[in-house]
Amino acid sequence: MVEFGNCCFGGSSSFHEIWKPSLAMILVQICFAGMNILSKIALDQGMSHFVLVVYRHLIATIVTAPLAYILERKTRPKLTIRIFCEIFISSLVGITLNQNFYYTGLNYTTATFSTALLNLVPAVTFLMAIVFRMESLNIRSLAGQAKIVGTLICVGGAMTMTLYKGIKLQLWSSPFHLNQHNESTHKTEDLTKGSLLVLMSCISFSAWNILQTSITKKYPVQYSSTALMCFLATIQSAIITLIFERDHYEVWVLGWNVQLLAAIYSGVVASAISFCLMTWCIEKMGPVFTTMFWPLVLIIVALLGSILLDEKFYLGSVIGAVQIVIGLYIMLWSKSKEMEKIVKTTSTLSFISNNKESNSAEQKEELMTN
């Protein structure tokens, strides 16, 4: 984290380093937004969400395992039993439970509604980080107050988009109509049940962010870590699927349709690529920074929903989107202020240490001369 601070405040030569974690997380949000749209279409057409989770991580394992072997076979540290157990728990909490909760909740709600609730992830992660003393909260400082205000504004923006519609804004007419549901399998929306399930998904994913902070320090190889997590998630999800779909073996068969596309896209893009990027960002910036970008998913899903599913914009959606951008900016500003303080403190301590060493050397020289 100090390295990032040096990049941020160390001069124009490191200008591009400032934006690398941010751009990586923006790319992750674009990937997840596409996954939300495709997954909703696939689920509405009758695909089992249990099977989707299994295939998603089977494909992700096939993609990441060769990369892990080629790029990290010489630098990969020893995989101890302790690290394996931590990765197993991280996989169970942050992938298997998280995604099964989320896809089940998505089945009972809409893509925009579920995505809106995911904006609780930064707030939940922030609270968990404080509990585990991974983040400090000085409510007397401007940066600490900005963290709280920014989180509340982000969540408030998500709730505004969900609860307040307002007038319809006809910006354009989309020629696409991809949301043709299969009426025989489409479930009636149950916002209460769906909300609780998505909330459980948020808690699980926040716990994953916390766990990954410890894992990346002990096992700093994102490709190998991602491949192992996806492999374990495949086994865990397959066991869950066999339990819940034991009388419906036909759900394992996928045709050449959007269900197969959703599985491939989710595995390659939303899991393999996104998890590698998130693991790298967590190693560089910590868990709270990565979750700050989650509000962007809602904006992207709203745009994709309008273009691909012919969804309409409402005044509440625009107001909520503006709130989210403002809240995100405030949280990033507070993080940059904290990093600036850390860098200044580190520089001061280094300066004092160097002066002490210099004075000590001079004293030794004088003694030797005398």
Protein backbone atom coordinates (compact mmCIF):
# COMPACT_ATOMS: atom_id res chain seq x y z
CA MET A 1 0.00 0.00 0.00
CA VAL A 2 2.91 2.32 0.66
CA GLU A 3 4.15 1.57 -2.85
CA PHE A 4 0.85 2.77 -4.23
CA GLY A 5 1.16 5.93 -2.16
CA ASN A 6 4.59 6.57 -3.61
CA CYS A 7 3.15 6.13 -7.09
CA CYS A 8 0.33 8.52 -6.31
CA PHE A 9 2.41 11.26 -4.80
CA GLY A 10 5.89 10.57 -6.04
CA GLY A 11 5.90 12.63 -9.26
CA SER A 12 4.87 12.52 -12.92
CA SER A 13 7.26 9.66 -13.78
CA SER A 14 4.87 7.25 -12.06
CA PHE A 15 1.71 8.87 -13.42
CA HIS A 16 0.42 5.71 -15.09
CA GLU A 17 0.88 3.71 -11.88
CA ILE A 18 -1.83 5.81 -10.24
CA TRP A 19 -4.52 4.48 -12.52
CA LYS A 20 -3.59 0.82 -12.86
CA PRO A 21 -5.62 -0.52 -9.89
CA SER A 22 -8.53 1.78 -10.72
CA LEU A 23 -8.63 0.79 -14.40
CA ALA A 24 -8.35 -2.87 -13.43
CA MET A 25 -11.36 -2.59 -11.13
CA ILE A 26 -13.37 -0.68 -13.75
CA LEU A 27 -12.67 -3.53 -16.20
CA VAL A 28 -13.82 -6.02 -13.54
CA GLN A 29 -17.10 -4.15 -13.17
CA ILE A 30 -17.68 -4.22 -16.94
CA CYS A 31 -17.06 -7.97 -16.91
CA PHE A 32 -19.50 -8.51 -14.05
CA ALA A 33 -22.13 -6.31 -15.70
CA GLY A 34 -22.06 -8.47 -18.83
CA MET A 35 -22.31 -11.57 -16.66
CA ASN A 36 -25.40 -10.19 -14.91
CA ILE A 37 -27.21 -9.58 -18.18
CA LEU A 38 -26.32 -12.96 -19.71
CA SER A 39 -27.02 -14.86 -16.50
CA LYS A 40 -30.45 -13.29 -16.10
CA ILE A 41 -31.40 -14.26 -19.65
CA ALA A 42 -30.09 -17.82 -19.14
CA LEU A 43 -31.92 -18.25 -15.83
CA ASP A 44 -35.15 -16.92 -17.31
CA GLN A 45 -34.83 -19.57 -20.00
CA GLY A 46 -34.78 -22.31 -17.36
CA MET A 47 -31.09 -22.88 -16.66
CA SER A 48 -30.28 -24.21 -13.18
CA HIS A 49 -28.24 -21.69 -11.25
CA PHE A 50 -26.46 -24.57 -9.46
CA VAL A 51 -25.24 -25.92 -12.78
CA LEU A 52 -24.25 -22.44 -13.96
CA VAL A 53 -21.93 -22.06 -10.96
CA VAL A 54 -20.33 -25.48 -11.61
CA TYR A 55 -19.70 -24.89 -15.32
CA ARG A 56 -18.55 -21.34 -14.70
CA HIS A 57 -15.71 -22.44 -12.45
CA LEU A 58 -14.87 -25.57 -14.38
CA ILE A 59 -14.21 -23.35 -17.40
CA ALA A 60 -12.34 -20.83 -15.23
CA THR A 61 -10.09 -23.62 -13.94
CA ILE A 62 -9.31 -24.79 -17.48
CA VAL A 63 -8.36 -21.22 -18.45
CA THR A 64 -6.29 -20.23 -15.41
CA ALA A 65 -4.45 -23.50 -14.69
CA PRO A 66 -2.17 -23.33 -17.80
CA LEU A 67 -1.44 -19.65 -17.10
CA ALA A 68 -0.52 -20.49 -13.52
CA TYR A 69 1.82 -23.26 -14.68
CA ILE A 70 3.52 -21.22 -17.41
CA LEU A 71 3.85 -17.88 -15.62
CA GLU A 72 4.35 -18.89 -12.00
CA ARG A 73 5.94 -22.33 -11.94
CA LYS A 74 9.34 -20.88 -10.96
CA THR A 75 8.12 -18.22 -8.52
CA ARG A 76 5.27 -20.10 -6.85
CA PRO A 77 5.89 -20.56 -3.11
CA LYS A 78 5.26 -23.85 -1.33
CA LEU A 79 1.58 -24.62 -0.83
CA THR A 80 1.34 -25.55 2.84
CA ILE A 81 -1.64 -27.26 4.47
CA ARG A 82 -2.51 -24.02 6.28
CA ILE A 83 -2.56 -22.00 3.05
CA PHE A 84 -4.58 -24.71 1.29
CA CYS A 85 -7.17 -24.67 4.08
CA GLU A 86 -7.42 -20.88 3.89
CA ILE A 87 -7.90 -21.02 0.11
CA PHE A 88 -10.50 -23.79 0.55
CA ILE A 89 -12.49 -21.64 3.01
CA SER A 90 -12.07 -18.58 0.78
CA SER A 91 -13.37 -20.57 -2.18
CA LEU A 92 -16.32 -21.93 -0.21
CA VAL A 93 -17.35 -18.55 1.20
CA GLY A 94 -16.42 -16.17 -1.61
CA ILE A 95 -17.29 -18.30 -4.65
CA THR A 96 -19.50 -21.29 -3.93
CA LEU A 97 -21.85 -19.79 -1.35
CA ASN A 98 -21.61 -16.26 -2.70
CA GLN A 99 -22.59 -17.14 -6.25
CA ASN A 100 -25.25 -19.70 -5.35
CA PHE A 101 -26.86 -17.13 -3.07
CA TYR A 102 -26.62 -14.47 -5.76
CA TYR A 103 -27.94 -16.53 -8.67
CA THR A 104 -30.84 -17.79 -6.54
CA GLY A 105 -31.66 -14.21 -5.58
CA LEU A 106 -31.37 -13.16 -9.23
CA ASN A 107 -33.92 -15.84 -10.07
CA TYR A 108 -36.46 -14.12 -7.81
CA THR A 109 -35.70 -10.52 -8.79
CA THR A 110 -34.48 -8.48 -11.75
CA ALA A 111 -30.89 -7.91 -12.87
CA THR A 112 -30.97 -4.23 -11.91
CA PHE A 113 -32.50 -4.92 -8.49
CA SER A 114 -29.93 -7.60 -7.63
CA THR A 115 -27.07 -5.47 -8.91
CA ALA A 116 -28.30 -2.53 -6.83
CA LEU A 117 -28.16 -4.58 -3.64
CA LEU A 118 -24.56 -5.59 -4.45
CA ASN A 119 -23.61 -2.02 -3.60
CA LEU A 120 -23.86 -3.05 0.03
CA VAL A 121 -20.56 -4.93 -0.46
CA PRO A 122 -18.31 -1.87 0.16
CA ALA A 123 -20.17 -1.00 3.36
CA VAL A 124 -20.12 -4.59 4.67
CA THR A 125 -16.44 -5.03 3.74
CA PHE A 126 -15.61 -1.73 5.41
CA LEU A 127 -17.31 -2.82 8.64
CA MET A 128 -15.59 -6.23 8.54
CA ALA A 129 -12.22 -4.59 7.91
CA ILE A 130 -12.72 -2.38 10.98
CA VAL A 131 -13.70 -5.38 13.13
CA PHE A 132 -10.58 -7.29 12.05
CA ARG A 133 -8.45 -4.13 12.40
CA MET A 134 -7.50 -4.08 8.75
CA GLU A 135 -8.87 -0.56 8.32
CA SER A 136 -8.78 2.35 10.74
CA LEU A 137 -11.66 4.74 11.21
CA ASN A 138 -10.88 8.09 12.74
CA ILE A 139 -14.26 9.82 12.78
CA ARG A 140 -12.58 13.04 13.90
CA SER A 141 -10.51 13.22 10.72
CA LEU A 142 -11.88 14.51 7.44
CA ALA A 143 -10.83 11.33 5.61
CA GLY A 144 -12.63 9.11 8.13
CA GLN A 145 -15.80 11.17 7.87
CA ALA A 146 -15.54 11.05 4.07
CA LYS A 147 -15.40 7.23 4.18
CA ILE A 148 -18.66 7.09 6.10
CA VAL A 149 -20.39 9.74 3.99
CA GLY A 150 -19.19 8.20 0.72
CA THR A 151 -20.41 4.73 1.71
CA LEU A 152 -23.81 6.07 2.73
CA ILE A 153 -24.16 8.05 -0.50
CA CYS A 154 -23.27 4.99 -2.62
CA VAL A 155 -25.78 2.80 -0.82
CA GLY A 156 -28.34 5.60 -0.92
CA GLY A 157 -27.86 5.94 -4.66
CA ALA A 158 -28.41 2.22 -5.14
CA MET A 159 -31.58 2.36 -3.05
CA THR A 160 -32.81 5.39 -4.99
CA MET A 161 -32.46 3.51 -8.26
CA THR A 162 -34.30 0.55 -6.77
CA LEU A 163 -37.11 2.20 -4.81
CA TYR A 164 -37.81 5.39 -6.76
CA LYS A 165 -38.73 5.31 -10.44
CA GLY A 166 -40.11 8.73 -11.28
CA ILE A 167 -40.92 9.71 -14.83
CA LYS A 168 -39.80 7.59 -17.76
CA LEU A 169 -36.96 9.04 -19.86
CA GLN A 170 -37.11 7.81 -23.45
CA LEU A 171 -33.52 8.36 -24.58
CA TRP A 172 -33.53 5.97 -27.53
CA SER A 173 -35.37 3.01 -28.95
CA SER A 174 -33.41 -0.24 -28.83
CA PRO A 175 -33.69 -2.68 -31.75
CA PHE A 176 -32.67 -5.57 -29.45
CA HIS A 177 -35.13 -7.75 -27.56
CA LEU A 178 -33.10 -10.43 -25.82
CA ASN A 179 -35.35 -10.78 -22.78
CA GLN A 180 -37.79 -13.31 -24.22
CA HIS A 181 -38.57 -15.41 -21.16
CA ASN A 182 -39.54 -19.02 -21.11
CA GLU A 183 -42.97 -18.75 -19.48
CA SER A 184 -42.95 -22.36 -18.32
CA THR A 185 -39.85 -21.88 -16.21
CA HIS A 186 -39.92 -18.18 -15.36
CA LYS A 187 -40.38 -17.64 -11.65
CA THR A 188 -42.67 -15.00 -10.20
CA GLU A 189 -40.64 -12.16 -8.72
CA ASP A 190 -40.36 -12.33 -4.94
CA LEU A 191 -38.40 -9.23 -3.89
CA THR A 192 -38.30 -10.13 -0.19
CA LYS A 193 -36.83 -13.60 -0.74
CA GLY A 194 -34.54 -12.34 -3.49
CA SER A 195 -33.30 -9.45 -1.34
CA LEU A 196 -32.37 -11.74 1.55
CA LEU A 197 -30.49 -14.10 -0.76
CA VAL A 198 -28.56 -11.29 -2.45
CA LEU A 199 -27.80 -9.84 0.98
CA MET A 200 -26.29 -13.19 1.99
CA SER A 201 -24.25 -13.04 -1.21
CA CYS A 202 -22.95 -9.59 -0.23
CA ILE A 203 -21.87 -10.84 3.20
CA SER A 204 -20.13 -13.85 1.64
CA PHE A 205 -18.28 -11.76 -0.92
CA SER A 206 -17.21 -9.23 1.71
CA ALA A 207 -15.78 -12.09 3.78
CA TRP A 208 -13.90 -13.25 0.65
CA ASN A 209 -12.29 -9.83 0.29
CA ILE A 210 -11.10 -9.99 3.90
CA LEU A 211 -9.77 -13.54 3.56
CA GLN A 212 -7.94 -12.72 0.33
CA THR A 213 -5.94 -10.02 2.06
CA SER A 214 -4.30 -12.65 4.25
CA ILE A 215 -3.93 -15.19 1.44
CA THR A 216 -2.24 -12.79 -0.99
CA LYS A 217 0.46 -12.09 1.59
CA LYS A 218 1.20 -15.77 2.18
CA TYR A 219 0.62 -16.97 -1.38
CA PRO A 220 1.27 -13.97 -3.71
CA VAL A 221 0.65 -15.73 -7.03
CA GLN A 222 -2.70 -14.60 -8.39
CA TYR A 223 -2.95 -17.08 -11.26
CA SER A 224 -2.18 -20.10 -9.10
CA SER A 225 -4.43 -18.84 -6.32
CA THR A 226 -7.29 -18.18 -8.74
CA ALA A 227 -6.89 -21.56 -10.46
CA LEU A 228 -6.93 -23.41 -7.14
CA MET A 229 -9.96 -21.45 -5.88
CA CYS A 230 -11.90 -22.11 -9.08
CA PHE A 231 -10.99 -25.82 -8.98
CA LEU A 232 -12.15 -26.14 -5.37
CA ALA A 233 -15.30 -24.14 -6.16
CA THR A 234 -16.07 -26.55 -9.02
CA ILE A 235 -15.94 -29.55 -6.67
CA GLN A 236 -17.88 -27.76 -3.92
CA SER A 237 -20.57 -26.52 -6.33
CA ALA A 238 -20.86 -29.94 -8.01
CA ILE A 239 -21.60 -31.55 -4.63
CA ILE A 240 -24.24 -28.92 -3.89
CA THR A 241 -25.78 -29.42 -7.34
CA LEU A 242 -25.93 -33.19 -6.93
CA ILE A 243 -27.79 -32.66 -3.66
CA PHE A 244 -30.34 -30.11 -4.87
CA GLU A 245 -30.75 -31.39 -8.46
CA ARG A 246 -30.48 -35.13 -7.73
CA ASP A 247 -33.77 -35.87 -9.51
CA HIS A 248 -33.12 -33.60 -12.50
CA TYR A 249 -30.09 -34.91 -14.35
CA GLU A 250 -31.21 -33.18 -17.54
CA VAL A 251 -30.15 -29.80 -16.11
CA TRP A 252 -26.52 -30.71 -16.80
CA VAL A 253 -27.11 -30.73 -20.57
CA LEU A 254 -26.55 -27.39 -22.31
CA GLY A 255 -27.48 -26.64 -25.89
CA TRP A 256 -25.90 -24.20 -28.32
CA ASN A 257 -27.76 -21.23 -26.87
CA VAL A 258 -27.45 -18.38 -24.39
CA GLN A 259 -27.10 -20.85 -21.51
CA LEU A 260 -23.83 -22.16 -22.93
CA LEU A 261 -22.72 -18.59 -23.70
CA ALA A 262 -23.48 -17.54 -20.13
CA ALA A 263 -21.43 -20.43 -18.73
CA ILE A 264 -18.43 -19.72 -21.02
CA TYR A 265 -18.52 -15.95 -20.49
CA SER A 266 -18.91 -16.32 -16.73
CA GLY A 267 -16.03 -18.81 -16.56
CA VAL A 268 -13.54 -17.03 -18.80
CA VAL A 269 -14.35 -13.37 -18.20
CA ALA A 270 -16.22 -13.07 -14.88
CA SER A 271 -14.15 -15.66 -13.00
CA ALA A 272 -10.75 -16.29 -14.64
CA ILE A 273 -9.94 -12.73 -15.70
CA SER A 274 -11.86 -10.85 -13.01
CA PHE A 275 -10.62 -12.90 -10.05
CA CYS A 276 -7.01 -12.51 -11.19
CA LEU A 277 -7.46 -8.74 -11.46
CA MET A 278 -9.23 -8.50 -8.10
CA THR A 279 -6.59 -10.61 -6.36
CA TRP A 280 -3.89 -8.33 -7.78
CA CYS A 281 -5.77 -5.19 -6.68
CA ILE A 282 -6.35 -6.58 -3.17
CA GLU A 283 -2.61 -7.28 -2.88
CA LYS A 284 -1.79 -3.72 -4.00
CA MET A 285 -4.53 -1.70 -2.31
CA GLY A 286 -6.41 -3.79 0.22
CA PRO A 287 -9.98 -5.15 0.35
CA VAL A 288 -11.88 -1.88 0.86
CA PHE A 289 -10.40 -0.26 -2.25
CA THR A 290 -11.56 -3.07 -4.54
CA THR A 291 -15.14 -2.97 -3.25
CA MET A 292 -15.37 0.79 -3.75
CA PHE A 293 -15.89 0.18 -7.47
CA TRP A 294 -18.95 -2.05 -7.06
CA PRO A 295 -21.42 0.85 -7.55
CA LEU A 296 -20.21 1.12 -11.16
CA VAL A 297 -21.77 -2.27 -11.96
CA LEU A 298 -25.23 -0.85 -11.41
CA ILE A 299 -24.66 1.99 -13.86
CA ILE A 300 -23.23 -0.37 -16.50
CA VAL A 301 -26.07 -2.88 -16.05
CA ALA A 302 -28.60 -0.08 -16.44
CA LEU A 303 -26.97 0.97 -19.73
CA LEU A 304 -26.65 -2.60 -21.05
CA GLY A 305 -30.20 -3.36 -19.97
CA SER A 306 -31.42 -0.36 -21.92
CA ILE A 307 -29.47 -1.30 -25.06
CA LEU A 308 -29.78 -5.10 -25.06
CA LEU A 309 -33.03 -5.70 -23.21
CA ASP A 310 -34.88 -2.55 -24.31
CA GLU A 311 -35.25 -1.40 -20.71
CA LYS A 312 -36.24 2.22 -20.14
CA PHE A 313 -34.49 4.82 -18.01
CA TYR A 314 -36.35 6.44 -15.16
CA LEU A 315 -35.62 9.69 -13.36
CA GLY A 316 -34.83 7.74 -10.19
CA SER A 317 -32.19 5.74 -12.05
CA VAL A 318 -30.43 8.91 -13.20
CA ILE A 319 -30.53 10.47 -9.73
CA GLY A 320 -29.26 7.26 -8.16
CA ALA A 321 -26.43 6.96 -10.70
CA VAL A 322 -25.28 10.50 -9.93
CA GLN A 323 -25.35 9.73 -6.20
CA ILE A 324 -23.24 6.63 -6.75
CA VAL A 325 -20.60 8.50 -8.76
CA ILE A 326 -20.40 11.23 -6.10
CA GLY A 327 -20.16 8.67 -3.29
CA LEU A 328 -17.47 6.71 -5.13
CA TYR A 329 -15.45 9.88 -5.72
CA ILE A 330 -15.66 10.82 -2.03
CA MET A 331 -14.49 7.36 -0.92
CA LEU A 332 -11.57 7.38 -3.36
CA TRP A 333 -10.64 10.87 -2.20
CA SER A 334 -10.61 9.71 1.43
CA LYS A 335 -8.45 6.72 0.49
CA SER A 336 -5.96 8.95 -1.35
CA LYS A 337 -5.75 11.26 1.69
CA GLU A 338 -5.00 8.30 3.94
CA MET A 339 -2.32 7.06 1.53
CA GLU A 340 -0.81 10.55 1.38
CA LYS A 341 -0.59 10.60 5.16
CA ILE A 342 1.02 7.15 5.24
CA VAL A 343 3.63 8.20 2.65
CA LYS A 344 4.45 11.41 4.53
CA THR A 345 4.80 9.50 7.79
CA THR A 346 7.02 6.89 6.13
CA SER A 347 9.17 9.59 4.54
CA THR A 348 9.56 11.39 7.87
CA LEU A 349 10.55 8.20 9.69
CA SER A 350 12.99 7.35 6.92
CA PHE A 351 14.49 10.85 7.09
CA ILE A 352 14.93 10.60 10.87
CA SER A 353 16.47 7.14 10.55
CA ASN A 354 18.92 8.31 7.89
CA ASN A 355 19.92 11.30 10.02
CA LYS A 356 20.56 9.03 13.02
CA GLU A 357 22.71 6.72 10.90
CA SER A 358 24.57 9.69 9.46
CA ASN A 359 25.23 11.19 12.90
CA SER A 360 26.34 7.80 14.23
CA ALA A 361 28.76 7.39 11.35
CA GLU A 362 30.20 10.87 11.93
CA GLN A 363 30.67 10.16 15.64
CA LYS A 364 32.51 6.91 14.86
CA GLU A 365 34.71 8.75 12.38
CA GLU A 366 35.61 11.38 14.97
CA LEU A 367 36.45 8.73 17.55
CA MET A 368 38.70 6.91 15.09
CA THR A 369 40.41 10.18 14.16
CA ASN A 370 41.06 11.05 17.80
